[in-house]
N, C-alpha and C. Protein backbone atom coordinates (compact mmCIF):
# COMPACT_ATOMS: atom_id res chain seq x y z
N MET A 1 15.74 20.81 -15.40
CA MET A 1 15.83 19.38 -15.21
C MET A 1 16.58 18.75 -16.38
N ALA A 2 17.40 17.78 -16.06
CA ALA A 2 18.17 17.09 -17.09
C ALA A 2 17.29 16.11 -17.84
N LYS A 3 17.52 15.99 -19.13
CA LYS A 3 16.77 15.05 -19.95
C LYS A 3 17.44 13.67 -19.85
N PRO A 4 16.67 12.63 -19.50
CA PRO A 4 17.27 11.29 -19.41
C PRO A 4 17.62 10.77 -20.80
N ASN A 5 18.62 9.91 -20.87
CA ASN A 5 18.95 9.35 -22.17
C ASN A 5 18.03 8.17 -22.48
N ALA A 6 17.97 7.79 -23.73
CA ALA A 6 17.05 6.74 -24.18
C ALA A 6 17.32 5.42 -23.48
N SER A 7 18.56 5.12 -23.19
CA SER A 7 18.91 3.88 -22.52
C SER A 7 18.32 3.82 -21.11
N GLU A 8 18.37 4.93 -20.39
CA GLU A 8 17.80 4.99 -19.05
C GLU A 8 16.28 4.77 -19.08
N VAL A 9 15.62 5.38 -20.04
CA VAL A 9 14.17 5.23 -20.16
C VAL A 9 13.82 3.79 -20.52
N ARG A 10 14.57 3.18 -21.44
CA ARG A 10 14.35 1.78 -21.80
C ARG A 10 14.50 0.87 -20.59
N ASP A 11 15.53 1.12 -19.78
CA ASP A 11 15.76 0.31 -18.58
C ASP A 11 14.60 0.45 -17.60
N LEU A 12 14.07 1.66 -17.43
CA LEU A 12 12.92 1.86 -16.55
C LEU A 12 11.69 1.13 -17.08
N LYS A 13 11.47 1.20 -18.38
CA LYS A 13 10.33 0.50 -18.98
C LYS A 13 10.45 -0.99 -18.76
N GLU A 14 11.63 -1.53 -18.98
CA GLU A 14 11.84 -2.97 -18.80
C GLU A 14 11.64 -3.38 -17.34
N ALA A 15 12.12 -2.58 -16.42
CA ALA A 15 11.93 -2.88 -14.99
C ALA A 15 10.45 -2.86 -14.64
N LEU A 16 9.70 -1.92 -15.19
CA LEU A 16 8.28 -1.82 -14.93
C LEU A 16 7.55 -3.05 -15.49
N ILE A 17 7.92 -3.46 -16.68
CA ILE A 17 7.31 -4.65 -17.29
C ILE A 17 7.62 -5.89 -16.46
N GLN A 18 8.86 -6.04 -16.05
CA GLN A 18 9.24 -7.20 -15.24
C GLN A 18 8.50 -7.21 -13.91
N GLY A 19 8.35 -6.03 -13.31
CA GLY A 19 7.61 -5.94 -12.05
C GLY A 19 6.15 -6.33 -12.23
N ALA A 20 5.52 -5.88 -13.31
CA ALA A 20 4.13 -6.24 -13.58
C ALA A 20 3.99 -7.74 -13.82
N ARG A 21 4.93 -8.30 -14.56
CA ARG A 21 4.90 -9.76 -14.80
C ARG A 21 5.02 -10.53 -13.50
N PHE A 22 5.94 -10.10 -12.64
CA PHE A 22 6.12 -10.77 -11.36
C PHE A 22 4.84 -10.71 -10.53
N LEU A 23 4.22 -9.53 -10.47
CA LEU A 23 2.99 -9.39 -9.70
C LEU A 23 1.86 -10.23 -10.28
N GLN A 24 1.81 -10.35 -11.60
CA GLN A 24 0.79 -11.19 -12.23
C GLN A 24 1.06 -12.66 -11.92
N GLU A 25 2.31 -13.07 -12.02
CA GLU A 25 2.67 -14.48 -11.77
C GLU A 25 2.41 -14.89 -10.33
N THR A 26 2.51 -13.96 -9.39
CA THR A 26 2.29 -14.28 -7.98
C THR A 26 0.85 -14.03 -7.55
N GLY A 27 -0.02 -13.65 -8.50
CA GLY A 27 -1.43 -13.50 -8.21
C GLY A 27 -1.85 -12.15 -7.67
N VAL A 28 -0.94 -11.20 -7.58
CA VAL A 28 -1.30 -9.87 -7.09
C VAL A 28 -2.10 -9.12 -8.15
N LEU A 29 -1.71 -9.23 -9.42
CA LEU A 29 -2.47 -8.66 -10.53
C LEU A 29 -3.21 -9.79 -11.23
N SER A 30 -4.36 -9.47 -11.80
CA SER A 30 -5.12 -10.47 -12.54
C SER A 30 -4.36 -10.85 -13.82
N HIS A 31 -4.83 -11.92 -14.47
CA HIS A 31 -4.18 -12.37 -15.70
C HIS A 31 -4.27 -11.32 -16.81
N SER A 32 -5.23 -10.42 -16.69
CA SER A 32 -5.34 -9.35 -17.69
C SER A 32 -4.46 -8.16 -17.32
N PHE A 33 -3.68 -8.29 -16.24
CA PHE A 33 -2.81 -7.22 -15.74
C PHE A 33 -3.64 -6.01 -15.31
N HIS A 34 -4.88 -6.26 -14.86
CA HIS A 34 -5.73 -5.15 -14.40
C HIS A 34 -5.08 -4.49 -13.20
N GLY A 35 -4.83 -3.24 -13.31
CA GLY A 35 -4.14 -2.47 -12.29
C GLY A 35 -3.11 -1.59 -12.98
N ASN A 36 -2.72 -0.57 -12.32
CA ASN A 36 -1.77 0.37 -12.91
C ASN A 36 -0.50 0.44 -12.08
N MET A 37 0.60 0.53 -12.77
CA MET A 37 1.90 0.72 -12.13
C MET A 37 2.58 1.86 -12.86
N SER A 38 3.43 2.56 -12.13
CA SER A 38 4.18 3.65 -12.76
C SER A 38 5.53 3.80 -12.08
N VAL A 39 6.42 4.46 -12.80
CA VAL A 39 7.73 4.81 -12.26
C VAL A 39 8.06 6.20 -12.80
N ARG A 40 8.57 7.02 -11.90
CA ARG A 40 8.96 8.37 -12.32
C ARG A 40 10.35 8.33 -12.93
N ILE A 41 10.51 9.04 -14.04
CA ILE A 41 11.82 9.14 -14.66
C ILE A 41 12.63 10.14 -13.83
N PRO A 42 13.72 9.68 -13.19
CA PRO A 42 14.49 10.55 -12.29
C PRO A 42 14.89 11.87 -12.95
N GLY A 43 14.75 12.94 -12.20
CA GLY A 43 15.15 14.25 -12.68
C GLY A 43 14.16 14.90 -13.61
N THR A 44 12.97 14.30 -13.76
CA THR A 44 11.95 14.87 -14.65
C THR A 44 10.60 14.88 -13.94
N ASP A 45 9.63 15.44 -14.61
CA ASP A 45 8.25 15.39 -14.15
C ASP A 45 7.46 14.34 -14.94
N HIS A 46 8.15 13.39 -15.56
CA HIS A 46 7.51 12.40 -16.43
C HIS A 46 7.45 11.04 -15.77
N LEU A 47 6.42 10.29 -16.14
CA LEU A 47 6.22 8.93 -15.65
C LEU A 47 6.19 7.95 -16.80
N VAL A 48 6.59 6.73 -16.52
CA VAL A 48 6.35 5.59 -17.40
C VAL A 48 5.27 4.80 -16.70
N MET A 49 4.18 4.50 -17.41
CA MET A 49 3.03 3.85 -16.79
C MET A 49 2.60 2.63 -17.59
N THR A 50 2.03 1.65 -16.87
CA THR A 50 1.35 0.56 -17.55
C THR A 50 -0.01 1.06 -17.96
N GLY A 51 -0.62 0.42 -18.92
CA GLY A 51 -1.92 0.89 -19.40
C GLY A 51 -3.01 -0.13 -19.25
């Protein structure tokens, strides 16, 4: 499997953060962001997850 570059991982993290913010702003997630979201880093077995 190819190793993603740091820029790709940063972009995925930012997209995940923006998605969580959107869901919180629209009332899908609580104000404490209770809930988990993740995105798989393409070409790897690794995930970026909210905590």
